[in-house]
Amino acid sequence: MALRLKDIVTAAKANIEEINCQEAQDLLKTGEYKFLDVREPAEYLDGTIPMSVHVPRGMLEPVCDTCYAGHKGEFADLDQKWVVFCLSGGRGALAADTMQKMGYSHVLNLAGGFTEWKACNGDITVPPVDNGLIKMDHPWNPGPDAGTCEL
C-alpha cells in the first residue's frame, strides 16, 4: 500500500522530539538553540521567529551535507542545538527527522509550527524583501558536477 503524506509525517514524528510554544519561547531567550525556518520563501517573507536561519525544506539536505559544494558553514557543527519549524509542524517534523538521520544530535520540532507560535503571541520579525532570498541562481545550487567528498 502506498504511503500518504500523513503516514510519512507520523513516522517522522515517532523519531523526533517536539516542543510546545512556551518551551520554544524559553529556548529562544536562552540563545542556546538556533531556530531553523524550513518554510518556503514567500511564507518566510511574511514573518518569522527572530534570529531564525531560513532554509526551505526542499534545500535542507544539500545545505546540511558537508560533502556537498553548496553546504552552508553554519550547519557544520552536528552538535549545534536546533529548533525547527514550518507553518503547522509537518515539514518541521520531516526536517528534524532528516537532520537527525544526517547526524545532528540536538534537533527539536516546534509542534504546531509558526501558526502555533503566532497563537501564543511569540515575537515575530519580518525580513526585508530586498534580502536576495528569491532568486534563480541560488548559491547552494552550484550544478551537477560540483562537490566531492572523501570519507
Protein backbone atom coordinates (compact mmCIF):
# COMPACT_ATOMS: atom_id res chain seq x y z
CA MET A 1 0.00 0.00 0.00
CA ALA A 2 1.29 3.43 -0.92
CA LEU A 3 2.11 5.83 1.90
CA ARG A 4 0.36 9.17 2.17
CA LEU A 5 1.87 12.39 3.48
CA LYS A 6 0.09 11.91 6.81
CA ASP A 7 1.76 8.49 7.18
CA ILE A 8 5.20 9.88 6.39
CA VAL A 9 4.82 12.78 8.85
CA THR A 10 3.52 10.41 11.55
CA ALA A 11 6.55 8.16 11.05
CA ALA A 12 8.89 11.17 11.26
CA LYS A 13 7.21 12.38 14.46
CA ALA A 14 7.82 8.95 16.03
CA ASN A 15 11.57 9.56 15.58
CA ILE A 16 11.85 13.13 16.87
CA GLU A 17 11.17 15.25 19.93
CA GLU A 18 8.59 18.01 19.74
CA ILE A 19 8.23 21.01 21.99
CA ASN A 20 5.36 23.38 22.59
CA CYS A 21 5.33 27.11 22.01
CA GLN A 22 6.18 28.09 25.59
CA GLU A 23 9.17 25.74 25.60
CA ALA A 24 10.32 27.21 22.28
CA GLN A 25 9.98 30.75 23.62
CA ASP A 26 12.07 29.79 26.65
CA LEU A 27 14.77 28.26 24.42
CA LEU A 28 14.81 31.36 22.20
CA LYS A 29 15.51 33.51 25.29
CA THR A 30 18.47 31.36 26.36
CA GLY A 31 20.22 31.65 22.99
CA GLU A 32 21.36 28.04 23.37
CA TYR A 33 19.35 26.86 20.36
CA LYS A 34 19.31 28.19 16.82
CA PHE A 35 15.91 28.35 15.16
CA LEU A 36 15.51 26.96 11.64
CA ASP A 37 12.60 28.11 9.46
CA VAL A 38 12.00 25.49 6.74
CA ARG A 39 9.03 27.24 5.13
CA GLU A 40 9.03 28.47 1.55
CA PRO A 41 10.47 31.94 0.78
CA ALA A 42 7.07 33.64 0.44
CA GLU A 43 5.99 32.26 3.83
CA TYR A 44 9.26 33.40 5.40
CA LEU A 45 8.93 36.91 3.99
CA ASP A 46 5.53 37.24 5.70
CA GLY A 47 7.26 36.94 9.08
CA THR A 48 9.42 34.57 11.09
CA ILE A 49 10.77 33.92 14.57
CA PRO A 50 13.52 36.46 15.36
CA MET A 51 17.09 35.38 14.57
CA SER A 52 15.91 32.31 12.62
CA VAL A 53 18.02 30.77 9.90
CA HIS A 54 15.94 30.22 6.77
CA VAL A 55 16.41 27.14 4.58
CA PRO A 56 13.38 25.92 2.61
CA ARG A 57 12.62 22.25 3.33
CA GLY A 58 13.48 21.26 -0.22
CA MET A 59 17.04 22.61 0.16
CA LEU A 60 17.78 21.18 3.62
CA GLU A 61 19.85 18.14 2.62
CA PRO A 62 22.34 20.00 0.37
CA VAL A 63 22.72 22.80 2.92
CA CYS A 64 23.42 20.31 5.74
CA ASP A 65 25.68 17.92 3.79
CA THR A 66 29.31 18.91 4.36
CA CYS A 67 30.29 16.81 1.35
CA TYR A 68 28.15 18.92 -0.97
CA ALA A 69 29.66 22.00 -2.56
CA GLY A 70 26.59 24.06 -1.64
CA HIS A 71 26.91 23.26 2.07
CA LYS A 72 26.36 26.18 4.46
CA GLY A 73 29.05 26.53 7.12
CA GLU A 74 26.62 27.33 9.92
CA PHE A 75 25.39 23.73 9.62
CA ALA A 76 28.86 22.16 10.01
CA ASP A 77 28.53 21.53 13.76
CA LEU A 78 26.47 18.37 14.23
CA ASP A 79 26.23 19.17 17.96
CA GLN A 80 24.59 22.56 17.38
CA LYS A 81 21.17 22.66 19.03
CA TRP A 82 18.28 23.41 16.64
CA VAL A 83 14.57 24.13 16.93
CA VAL A 84 12.98 23.50 13.54
CA PHE A 85 9.65 24.97 12.48
CA CYS A 86 7.37 25.27 9.47
CA LEU A 87 3.82 26.58 9.22
CA SER A 88 1.97 23.81 11.06
CA GLY A 89 4.54 21.20 12.14
CA GLY A 90 4.58 18.63 9.33
CA ARG A 91 7.51 19.91 7.26
CA GLY A 92 9.30 20.70 10.50
CA ALA A 93 8.92 17.08 11.61
CA LEU A 94 10.26 15.85 8.28
CA ALA A 95 13.18 18.29 8.52
CA ALA A 96 14.00 17.35 12.13
CA ASP A 97 13.92 13.65 11.23
CA THR A 98 16.18 14.27 8.23
CA MET A 99 18.66 16.29 10.27
CA GLN A 100 18.87 13.52 12.86
CA LYS A 101 19.48 10.97 10.11
CA MET A 102 22.27 13.23 8.82
CA GLY A 103 23.96 13.14 12.22
CA TYR A 104 22.63 16.19 14.08
CA SER A 105 22.26 15.23 17.73
CA HIS A 106 20.08 18.01 19.18
CA VAL A 107 17.05 18.74 16.99
CA LEU A 108 13.59 19.69 18.23
CA ASN A 109 10.45 20.40 16.24
CA LEU A 110 8.03 23.16 17.20
CA ALA A 111 4.65 21.40 17.47
CA GLY A 112 2.06 23.39 15.54
CA GLY A 113 4.80 25.39 13.80
CA PHE A 114 4.67 29.11 13.13
CA THR A 115 0.87 29.05 13.37
CA GLU A 116 1.13 27.96 17.00
CA TRP A 117 3.96 30.46 17.61
CA LYS A 118 1.68 33.31 16.49
CA ALA A 119 -1.26 31.95 18.51
CA CYS A 120 0.77 32.09 21.72
CA ASN A 121 1.96 35.63 20.93
CA GLY A 122 5.57 34.75 20.15
CA ASP A 123 7.80 37.54 18.85
CA ILE A 124 7.80 37.91 15.06
CA THR A 125 10.17 39.70 12.74
CA VAL A 126 9.58 40.49 9.06
CA PRO A 127 12.68 40.07 6.89
CA PRO A 128 13.38 42.80 4.33
CA VAL A 129 12.06 41.99 0.86
CA ASP A 130 15.37 43.02 -0.73
CA ASN A 131 17.31 40.33 1.14
CA GLY A 132 18.19 38.43 -2.05
CA LEU A 133 16.21 35.41 -0.89
CA ILE A 134 14.10 34.91 -4.01
CA LYS A 135 16.39 34.40 -6.98
CA MET A 136 17.09 31.72 -9.53
CA ASP A 137 20.84 31.24 -9.13
CA HIS A 138 20.95 30.02 -5.54
CA PRO A 139 24.48 29.91 -4.10
CA TRP A 140 23.73 26.43 -2.73
CA ASN A 141 22.98 25.12 -6.22
CA PRO A 142 26.40 25.00 -7.89
CA GLY A 143 25.42 22.44 -10.52
CA PRO A 144 25.62 18.68 -11.06
CA ASP A 145 29.42 18.47 -11.37
CA ALA A 146 30.30 20.43 -8.24
CA GLY A 147 31.47 18.89 -4.98
CA THR A 148 33.00 15.64 -3.95
CA CYS A 149 33.63 14.14 -0.57
CA GLU A 150 36.40 11.88 0.53
CA LEU A 151 35.40 9.95 3.64
